[in-house]
Every structure is written in structure tokens, then in C-alpha cells.
N, C-alpha and C. Protein backbone atom coordinates (compact mmCIF):
# COMPACT_ATOMS: atom_id res chain seq x y z
N UNK A 1 112.30 106.29 112.38
CA UNK A 1 112.58 105.81 113.72
C UNK A 1 111.66 106.40 114.78
N UNK A 2 111.05 107.54 114.47
CA UNK A 2 110.19 108.13 115.47
C UNK A 2 108.93 108.66 114.82
N UNK A 3 107.94 108.91 115.61
CA UNK A 3 106.66 109.37 115.11
C UNK A 3 106.41 110.80 115.56
N UNK A 4 105.59 111.54 114.83
CA UNK A 4 105.28 112.91 115.21
C UNK A 4 104.01 113.00 116.02
N UNK A 5 103.27 111.91 116.15
CA UNK A 5 102.05 111.88 116.94
C UNK A 5 102.41 112.01 118.42
N UNK A 6 101.86 113.02 119.09
CA UNK A 6 102.22 113.26 120.49
C UNK A 6 101.74 112.14 121.41
N UNK A 7 100.85 111.28 120.95
CA UNK A 7 100.38 110.15 121.76
C UNK A 7 101.29 108.93 121.58
N UNK A 8 102.24 109.00 120.68
CA UNK A 8 103.15 107.88 120.42
C UNK A 8 104.54 108.22 120.95
N UNK A 9 105.11 107.30 121.65
CA UNK A 9 106.47 107.45 122.15
C UNK A 9 107.41 106.92 121.07
N UNK A 10 108.43 107.71 120.67
CA UNK A 10 109.36 107.19 119.66
C UNK A 10 110.15 106.00 120.22
N UNK A 11 110.34 105.00 119.39
CA UNK A 11 111.14 103.84 119.75
C UNK A 11 112.40 103.87 118.90
N UNK A 12 113.54 103.69 119.50
CA UNK A 12 114.81 103.71 118.80
C UNK A 12 115.42 102.32 118.84
N UNK A 13 115.97 101.91 117.71
CA UNK A 13 116.62 100.61 117.61
C UNK A 13 118.13 100.83 117.54
N UNK A 14 118.82 100.33 118.52
CA UNK A 14 120.27 100.45 118.57
C UNK A 14 120.89 99.15 118.09
N UNK A 15 121.71 99.24 117.05
CA UNK A 15 122.35 98.06 116.48
C UNK A 15 123.68 97.82 117.19
N UNK A 16 123.93 96.59 117.53
CA UNK A 16 125.20 96.22 118.14
C UNK A 16 125.31 96.73 119.57
N UNK A 17 126.44 96.47 120.15
CA UNK A 17 126.67 96.91 121.53
C UNK A 17 125.97 96.02 122.53
N UNK A 18 126.28 96.24 123.77
CA UNK A 18 125.70 95.48 124.86
C UNK A 18 124.71 96.33 125.62
N UNK A 19 123.81 95.70 126.32
CA UNK A 19 122.89 96.40 127.19
C UNK A 19 123.59 96.66 128.53
N UNK A 20 123.51 97.89 128.98
CA UNK A 20 124.14 98.31 130.23
C UNK A 20 123.05 98.77 131.19
N UNK A 21 123.16 98.40 132.43
CA UNK A 21 122.22 98.84 133.45
C UNK A 21 122.73 100.14 134.07
N UNK A 22 121.86 101.14 134.14
CA UNK A 22 122.19 102.42 134.76
C UNK A 22 121.31 102.60 135.98
N UNK A 23 121.84 103.27 136.97
CA UNK A 23 121.08 103.59 138.18
C UNK A 23 120.89 105.09 138.21
N UNK A 24 119.65 105.53 138.40
CA UNK A 24 119.33 106.95 138.41
C UNK A 24 118.57 107.28 139.69
N UNK A 25 118.97 108.35 140.36
CA UNK A 25 118.25 108.81 141.55
C UNK A 25 117.31 109.93 141.15
N UNK A 26 116.08 109.89 141.69
CA UNK A 26 115.10 110.93 141.41
C UNK A 26 114.10 110.96 142.55
N UNK A 27 113.30 111.99 142.56
CA UNK A 27 112.29 112.09 143.61
C UNK A 27 111.25 110.99 143.45
N UNK A 28 110.67 110.60 144.54
CA UNK A 28 109.65 109.56 144.48
C UNK A 28 108.43 110.01 143.67
N UNK A 29 108.14 111.31 143.69
CA UNK A 29 107.01 111.83 142.91
C UNK A 29 107.26 111.67 141.40
N UNK A 30 108.49 111.98 140.96
CA UNK A 30 108.82 111.81 139.55
C UNK A 30 108.82 110.34 139.18
N UNK A 31 109.34 109.50 140.06
CA UNK A 31 109.32 108.06 139.82
C UNK A 31 107.89 107.56 139.61
N UNK A 32 106.98 107.98 140.46
CA UNK A 32 105.59 107.55 140.33
C UNK A 32 104.98 108.06 139.04
N UNK A 33 105.31 109.29 138.66
CA UNK A 33 104.81 109.86 137.41
C UNK A 33 105.27 109.03 136.22
N UNK A 34 106.53 108.64 136.22
CA UNK A 34 107.07 107.82 135.14
C UNK A 34 106.40 106.45 135.12
N UNK A 35 106.22 105.85 136.28
CA UNK A 35 105.55 104.54 136.35
C UNK A 35 104.13 104.63 135.80
N UNK A 36 103.39 105.66 136.23
CA UNK A 36 102.01 105.84 135.76
C UNK A 36 101.97 106.07 134.25
N UNK A 37 102.87 106.93 133.77
CA UNK A 37 102.93 107.24 132.34
C UNK A 37 103.23 105.99 131.52
N UNK A 38 104.22 105.21 131.96
CA UNK A 38 104.59 103.99 131.25
C UNK A 38 103.41 103.03 131.18
N UNK A 39 102.73 102.87 132.29
CA UNK A 39 101.58 101.96 132.32
C UNK A 39 100.46 102.45 131.41
N UNK A 40 100.14 103.74 131.49
CA UNK A 40 99.07 104.30 130.67
C UNK A 40 99.39 104.23 129.18
N UNK A 41 100.65 104.47 128.82
CA UNK A 41 101.05 104.47 127.41
C UNK A 41 101.38 103.07 126.90
N UNK A 42 101.51 102.10 127.81
CA UNK A 42 101.81 100.73 127.40
C UNK A 42 103.22 100.55 126.88
N UNK A 43 104.15 101.28 127.47
CA UNK A 43 105.56 101.16 127.09
C UNK A 43 106.40 100.94 128.35
N UNK A 44 107.61 100.49 128.15
CA UNK A 44 108.50 100.29 129.29
C UNK A 44 109.13 101.61 129.70
N UNK A 45 109.59 101.65 130.92
CA UNK A 45 110.32 102.83 131.39
C UNK A 45 111.59 103.01 130.57
N UNK A 46 112.18 101.93 130.14
CA UNK A 46 113.39 102.02 129.30
C UNK A 46 113.10 102.80 128.03
N UNK A 47 111.98 102.53 127.37
CA UNK A 47 111.62 103.24 126.15
C UNK A 47 111.47 104.74 126.44
N UNK A 48 110.84 105.06 127.55
CA UNK A 48 110.65 106.47 127.92
C UNK A 48 112.00 107.15 128.13
N UNK A 49 112.88 106.52 128.90
CA UNK A 49 114.17 107.14 129.17
C UNK A 49 115.03 107.25 127.92
N UNK A 50 115.03 106.22 127.07
CA UNK A 50 115.81 106.30 125.84
C UNK A 50 115.32 107.44 124.97
N UNK A 51 114.01 107.55 124.79
CA UNK A 51 113.45 108.63 123.96
C UNK A 51 113.78 109.99 124.56
N UNK A 52 113.63 110.12 125.87
CA UNK A 52 113.91 111.40 126.52
C UNK A 52 115.38 111.79 126.40
N UNK A 53 116.27 110.83 126.59
CA UNK A 53 117.70 111.13 126.50
C UNK A 53 118.12 111.47 125.08
N UNK A 54 117.61 110.74 124.10
CA UNK A 54 117.92 111.04 122.70
C UNK A 54 117.45 112.45 122.35
N UNK A 55 116.22 112.79 122.70
CA UNK A 55 115.69 114.12 122.40
C UNK A 55 116.46 115.21 123.13
N UNK A 56 116.86 114.95 124.36
CA UNK A 56 117.66 115.90 125.13
C UNK A 56 118.99 116.16 124.43
N UNK A 57 119.67 115.09 124.04
CA UNK A 57 120.97 115.25 123.38
C UNK A 57 120.85 115.96 122.05
N UNK A 58 119.80 115.65 121.29
CA UNK A 58 119.57 116.36 120.02
C UNK A 58 119.36 117.85 120.27
N UNK A 59 118.59 118.18 121.27
CA UNK A 59 118.26 119.58 121.57
C UNK A 59 119.48 120.36 122.04
N UNK A 60 120.38 119.70 122.74
CA UNK A 60 121.50 120.41 123.35
C UNK A 60 122.85 120.12 122.69
N UNK A 61 122.84 119.99 121.38
CA UNK A 61 124.08 120.00 120.62
C UNK A 61 124.71 118.67 120.27
N UNK A 62 124.03 117.57 120.52
CA UNK A 62 124.60 116.27 120.19
C UNK A 62 123.83 115.58 119.06
N UNK A 63 123.13 116.38 118.25
CA UNK A 63 122.32 115.83 117.17
C UNK A 63 123.11 114.99 116.18
N UNK A 64 124.28 115.48 115.79
CA UNK A 64 125.11 114.76 114.82
C UNK A 64 125.55 113.41 115.39
N UNK A 65 125.96 113.39 116.64
CA UNK A 65 126.40 112.16 117.28
C UNK A 65 125.25 111.18 117.43
N UNK A 66 124.06 111.68 117.75
CA UNK A 66 122.88 110.83 117.87
C UNK A 66 122.54 110.22 116.52
N UNK A 67 122.58 111.05 115.49
CA UNK A 67 122.28 110.58 114.13
C UNK A 67 123.24 109.48 113.72
N UNK A 68 124.53 109.66 114.04
CA UNK A 68 125.55 108.65 113.73
C UNK A 68 125.26 107.35 114.48
N UNK A 69 124.93 107.46 115.76
CA UNK A 69 124.63 106.29 116.58
C UNK A 69 123.44 105.51 116.01
N UNK A 70 122.40 106.21 115.64
CA UNK A 70 121.19 105.56 115.16
C UNK A 70 121.34 105.01 113.74
N UNK A 71 122.31 105.51 112.99
CA UNK A 71 122.53 105.05 111.61
C UNK A 71 123.32 103.75 111.55
N UNK A 72 123.92 103.36 112.64
CA UNK A 72 124.75 102.14 112.67
C UNK A 72 123.92 100.91 112.42
């Protein structure tokens, strides 16, 4: 599901469920950084946020739950 190449953004495939829109507040500088990064890497901001959130949850104790979610 993910790659170890630091130039590649991991893409996760979620089976089932509905797509939900989330609203996130952040500094305009961080927003611009994410926009630039997404454009340079050729991925959507959604892919960046999904990868970041999955890695965050794995790092901070939700690895088992993430693994279960991705195995569905």
C-alpha cells in the first residue's frame, strides 16, 4: 500500500464507506506550502492529508486500528 521511496507519496485505498468532507484551519503559510508540494509532486492535497494522518496515527498508538481499516 505504500512505498519506501521518499520521493513517492503513499496512496491508501479505503474499501467501502462514504467520502466525508472535513474542514481544517491552518496558517496561510502552511496552506501555501501544501499547495506547492501537491503541485510539485503531482498529487492531490487529499492524498497528502490521508498519508500524513495515517502515518501520524501509526506513530502515536493507532497502528493496529489503521491496519484493520486498511485490511477491509
